[in-house]
Protein backbone atom coordinates (compact mmCIF):
# COMPACT_ATOMS: atom_id res chain seq x y z
CA MET A 1 -35.77 68.18 17.69
CA LYS A 2 -35.16 69.27 21.57
CA GLU A 3 -32.05 68.21 23.39
CA TYR A 4 -32.35 66.57 26.56
CA ALA A 5 -30.24 66.09 29.82
CA ILE A 6 -30.62 64.35 33.34
CA LEU A 7 -30.03 66.19 36.37
CA LEU A 8 -28.99 63.57 39.40
CA ASP A 9 -28.99 65.14 42.94
CA THR A 10 -26.82 62.77 45.05
CA THR A 11 -27.91 64.36 48.09
CA TYR A 12 -31.65 63.01 47.71
CA CYS A 13 -30.94 59.26 46.45
CA THR A 14 -31.35 56.85 49.14
CA GLY A 15 -29.68 54.23 47.35
CA CYS A 16 -32.75 52.38 46.75
CA ASN A 17 -32.17 51.21 43.34
CA SER A 18 -35.63 51.54 42.42
CA CYS A 19 -34.19 53.37 39.13
CA ALA A 20 -32.05 49.98 38.29
CA TYR A 21 -34.94 47.48 38.80
CA ARG A 22 -37.52 49.98 36.72
CA CYS A 23 -35.00 50.01 33.83
CA ILE A 24 -34.55 46.33 33.86
CA GLN A 25 -38.67 45.99 33.56
CA GLU A 26 -38.48 48.73 30.77
CA PHE A 27 -35.84 46.75 28.32
CA ARG A 28 -36.50 43.36 29.77
CA TYR A 29 -32.86 42.10 30.40
CA HIS A 30 -33.04 40.19 33.46
CA ASP A 31 -30.56 37.73 32.21
CA GLN A 32 -27.79 40.39 31.53
CA ALA A 33 -28.67 42.05 35.00
CA ALA A 34 -28.52 38.76 36.88
CA LYS A 35 -24.81 38.54 35.68
CA GLY A 36 -24.19 42.37 36.86
CA LEU A 37 -24.50 43.86 33.60
CA PHE A 38 -26.63 46.85 34.13
CA ARG A 39 -27.77 50.23 31.96
CA THR A 40 -28.17 52.22 35.43
CA PHE A 41 -27.31 50.87 38.87
CA VAL A 42 -26.33 52.73 42.04
CA GLN A 43 -23.21 51.72 43.91
CA ILE A 44 -23.10 52.26 47.72
CA ASN A 45 -19.77 53.34 48.62
CA ASP A 46 -17.96 54.75 52.00
CA ASP A 47 -18.06 58.49 50.75
CA GLY A 48 -21.21 58.62 48.55
CA LEU A 49 -23.63 57.06 46.04
CA TYR A 50 -22.20 56.23 42.53
CA HIS A 51 -24.71 56.01 39.73
CA LYS A 52 -22.95 53.70 36.68
CA ARG A 53 -25.04 54.99 33.78
CA CYS A 54 -24.28 56.55 30.59
CA MET A 55 -23.03 60.35 30.78
CA HIS A 56 -24.13 60.91 27.37
CA CYS A 57 -21.12 62.94 26.56
CA ILE A 58 -21.28 65.88 24.00
CA GLU A 59 -18.80 64.44 21.85
CA PRO A 60 -18.66 60.52 22.78
CA ASP A 61 -15.46 58.93 22.37
CA CYS A 62 -17.51 55.30 21.76
CA VAL A 63 -19.49 56.90 18.88
CA ALA A 64 -16.29 58.36 17.48
CA ASN A 65 -14.19 55.02 17.74
CA CYS A 66 -17.12 52.61 16.66
CA PRO A 67 -16.07 50.99 13.40
CA VAL A 68 -19.56 49.79 12.17
CA LYS A 69 -21.24 53.00 13.81
CA ALA A 70 -23.47 50.60 16.24
CA LEU A 71 -23.19 53.52 18.42
CA THR A 72 -24.36 57.28 17.43
CA LYS A 73 -25.20 60.46 18.97
CA SER A 74 -28.79 61.96 18.45
CA GLU A 75 -29.88 65.23 17.96
CA SER A 76 -31.32 65.04 21.32
CA GLY A 77 -27.79 64.31 22.95
CA GLN A 78 -28.62 60.80 23.72
CA VAL A 79 -26.10 58.28 22.83
CA LEU A 80 -27.66 55.16 20.93
CA TYR A 81 -26.93 51.52 20.59
CA ASP A 82 -27.69 49.37 17.81
CA ALA A 83 -27.20 45.66 18.35
CA LYS A 84 -27.93 44.57 15.15
CA LYS A 85 -24.54 46.68 13.73
CA CYS A 86 -22.56 45.69 16.87
CA ILE A 87 -19.83 43.14 15.89
CA GLY A 88 -18.77 42.96 19.59
CA CYS A 89 -14.83 44.44 19.19
CA GLN A 90 -15.14 46.21 22.66
CA THR A 91 -13.66 49.41 20.97
CA CYS A 92 -16.42 51.13 23.02
CA VAL A 93 -15.52 49.42 26.17
CA ARG A 94 -12.25 50.39 25.86
CA SER A 95 -12.33 54.19 24.48
CA CYS A 96 -15.27 55.10 27.07
CA LYS A 97 -13.63 57.23 29.79
CA PHE A 98 -16.15 57.07 32.04
CA GLY A 99 -16.33 53.07 31.84
CA ILE A 100 -19.76 52.66 30.78
CA PRO A 101 -20.35 49.87 28.09
CA LEU A 102 -20.67 46.38 29.72
CA PHE A 103 -19.89 43.52 27.21
CA ASP A 104 -21.79 40.22 27.70
CA GLU A 105 -19.45 37.70 26.82
CA ILE A 106 -22.68 35.28 26.12
CA THR A 107 -24.13 37.76 23.16
CA LYS A 108 -21.03 39.29 22.52
CA LYS A 109 -23.28 42.74 22.60
CA ILE A 110 -22.82 45.60 25.05
CA VAL A 111 -25.25 47.13 27.74
CA LYS A 112 -25.63 50.69 27.96
CA CYS A 113 -28.31 53.45 28.65
CA SER A 114 -30.21 55.11 25.90
CA MET A 115 -31.99 57.84 28.38
CA CYS A 116 -34.97 55.90 27.61
CA ALA A 117 -34.86 57.64 23.54
CA HIS A 118 -37.86 55.29 23.01
CA ARG A 119 -40.14 56.94 25.77
CA THR A 120 -38.65 60.64 25.64
CA GLY A 121 -39.61 60.69 21.84
CA GLN A 122 -43.20 60.51 22.69
CA GLY A 123 -42.94 63.07 25.56
CA LYS A 124 -42.66 60.60 28.58
CA LEU A 125 -39.82 60.45 31.39
CA PRO A 126 -36.91 58.02 31.12
CA ALA A 127 -37.94 55.10 33.01
CA CYS A 128 -35.54 55.82 35.89
CA VAL A 129 -37.05 59.58 36.72
CA GLU A 130 -40.35 58.23 36.28
CA VAL A 131 -39.96 56.13 39.21
CA CYS A 132 -37.38 58.01 41.77
CA SER A 133 -39.54 58.52 44.50
CA THR A 134 -37.35 61.41 46.13
CA GLY A 135 -36.69 63.73 43.25
CA ALA A 136 -33.13 62.97 42.84
CA LEU A 137 -33.49 62.30 39.33
CA GLN A 138 -34.64 64.95 37.06
CA PHE A 139 -35.36 65.70 33.10
CA GLY A 140 -35.46 68.08 31.02
CA GLU A 141 -34.29 70.31 28.17
CA TYR A 142 -30.81 70.45 28.28
CA GLN A 143 -30.10 74.27 28.59
CA GLU A 144 -32.76 74.09 31.38
CA ILE A 145 -31.32 71.35 33.39
CA ARG A 146 -27.63 72.44 32.93
CA ALA A 147 -28.85 75.78 34.28
CA LYS A 148 -30.75 74.29 37.01
CA ALA A 149 -27.54 72.21 37.84
CA LYS A 150 -25.25 75.42 38.13
CA ASP A 151 -27.68 77.42 40.18
CA MET A 152 -28.52 74.40 42.57
CA ALA A 153 -24.78 74.03 43.11
CA VAL A 154 -24.14 77.32 44.03
CA LYS A 155 -27.18 77.91 46.26
CA ASN A 156 -26.26 74.66 48.21
CA ASN A 157 -22.69 74.75 47.74
CA LEU A 158 -22.65 71.71 45.69
CA LYS A 159 -19.95 69.98 43.32
CA ILE A 160 -21.09 69.40 39.79
CA TYR A 161 -19.73 66.25 37.64
CA GLY A 162 -19.98 66.20 33.98
CA MET A 163 -20.27 69.92 33.24
CA VAL A 164 -16.41 69.71 31.86
CA GLN A 165 -15.59 66.47 32.13
CA ASN A 166 -14.68 65.11 28.48
CA GLY A 167 -15.93 68.31 27.02
CA GLY A 168 -19.35 68.21 28.61
CA THR A 169 -22.01 65.46 28.88
CA HIS A 170 -26.00 65.28 29.19
CA LEU A 171 -25.79 63.98 32.70
CA PHE A 172 -24.96 66.32 35.46
CA VAL A 173 -24.50 64.99 39.03
CA LEU A 174 -24.41 66.84 42.12
CA ALA A 175 -22.44 66.24 45.69
CA LYS A 176 -21.34 67.72 48.72
CA VAL A 177 -17.80 66.19 47.95
CA ASP A 178 -16.04 65.73 44.31
CA PRO A 179 -17.91 62.85 43.11
CA ALA A 180 -14.79 61.37 41.73
CA THR A 181 -14.27 60.59 45.70
CA PHE A 182 -16.84 57.87 45.84
CA GLY A 183 -16.56 56.06 42.49
CA TYR A 184 -16.95 58.43 39.42
CA PRO A 185 -14.03 58.35 37.39
CA LYS A 186 -11.63 61.09 37.00
CA VAL A 187 -12.09 62.31 33.85
CA PRO A 188 -10.15 65.62 32.52
CA ALA A 189 -11.81 68.40 31.24
CA LYS A 190 -11.70 69.19 27.73
CA ASP A 191 -12.77 72.40 25.93
CA ILE A 192 -14.33 70.85 22.71
CA LYS A 193 -14.73 73.94 21.01
CA LYS A 194 -10.84 74.35 21.05
CA GLY A 195 -10.90 70.34 19.81
CA VAL A 196 -8.57 67.76 21.00
CA SER A 197 -5.80 68.04 23.07
CA MET A 198 -2.43 66.37 22.25
CA GLY A 199 -3.43 64.09 25.38
CA ASP A 200 -6.25 62.58 23.80
CA LEU A 201 -4.50 61.59 20.22
CA PRO A 202 -4.28 58.08 20.94
CA ALA A 203 -8.07 57.87 21.73
CA MET A 204 -8.77 59.68 18.00
CA PRO A 205 -10.34 57.38 15.45
CA MET A 206 -7.92 55.52 12.83
CA ALA A 207 -9.36 57.34 10.15
CA ILE A 208 -8.88 60.89 11.29
CA ALA A 209 -5.02 59.61 12.48
CA ALA A 210 -4.69 58.46 9.06
CA VAL A 211 -5.96 61.99 7.24
CA ALA A 212 -3.66 63.70 9.59
CA ILE A 213 -0.64 61.64 8.67
CA GLY A 214 -1.77 61.55 4.73
CA GLY A 215 -1.98 65.64 5.17
CA LEU A 216 1.45 65.79 6.45
CA LYS A 217 2.82 63.42 3.99
CA LYS A 218 1.36 65.54 0.96
CA LEU A 219 2.85 68.67 2.38
CA SER A 220 6.42 67.47 2.46
CA GLU A 221 6.18 66.35 -1.04
CA ARG A 222 4.65 69.59 -2.24
CA ARG A 223 7.34 71.49 -0.46
CA ALA A 224 9.93 69.01 -1.98
CA LEU A 225 8.52 69.66 -5.59
CA VAL A 226 8.45 73.43 -5.12
CA GLU A 227 12.17 73.57 -3.64
CA ALA A 228 13.21 71.40 -6.81
CA GLU A 229 11.36 73.73 -9.27
CA GLU A 230 13.36 76.72 -7.18
CA LYS A 231 16.46 75.02 -7.71
CA ASP A 232 15.97 74.26 -11.61
CA LYS A 233 15.13 78.01 -11.80
CA GLU A 234 18.67 79.07 -10.42
CA PRO A 235 21.18 80.58 -13.35
CA LYS A 236 23.85 77.44 -14.06
CA LYS A 237 27.12 78.30 -13.18
């Protein structure tokens, strides 16, 4: 199974939103789009163009926190959503550091990019990449796209977003200035190899927190038992 990623070079983006229109056609979500709910959309701000689309995190908070596994991480790196399993609790909406999942109050489901997994699985490009007329969007195998993003950033003196944010993503954004200045969320960097930092504990799944608490309780109980046994072995005065 190949692992994929998307490279977005905002210096080539014109803000035409062809990607958004093509996405709507591909997934037939015209009613949701009419309500402002998009899988991808280009917002033109004063300092740059903000593409609101799923970052497809290496370790997605939405996947880790979904209580019914409606969100899953595929081997290809794409974060997938199963509307049939979704119970509309909006846990993903609250846990996503990038503010990506959008909740539809009518259907009680979310709207989120899948990086066109149904197309890429057939060897096709994501619909948005296919329609981009300026080449601002590029798609390929993860390691190749990642290396290309770093190389372009050095050669063209550009900033990269998505390389370290939240432990890394499968969407790399290149810009002349820090993307956080024109719409991208200020998400702290995290080294996933070193695990979750203390500052991320509130976002941990309840199951993991329960295991941690249970482990500490057992350790305390075991320590008390050992101390009691040692005390019994002491010679009585």
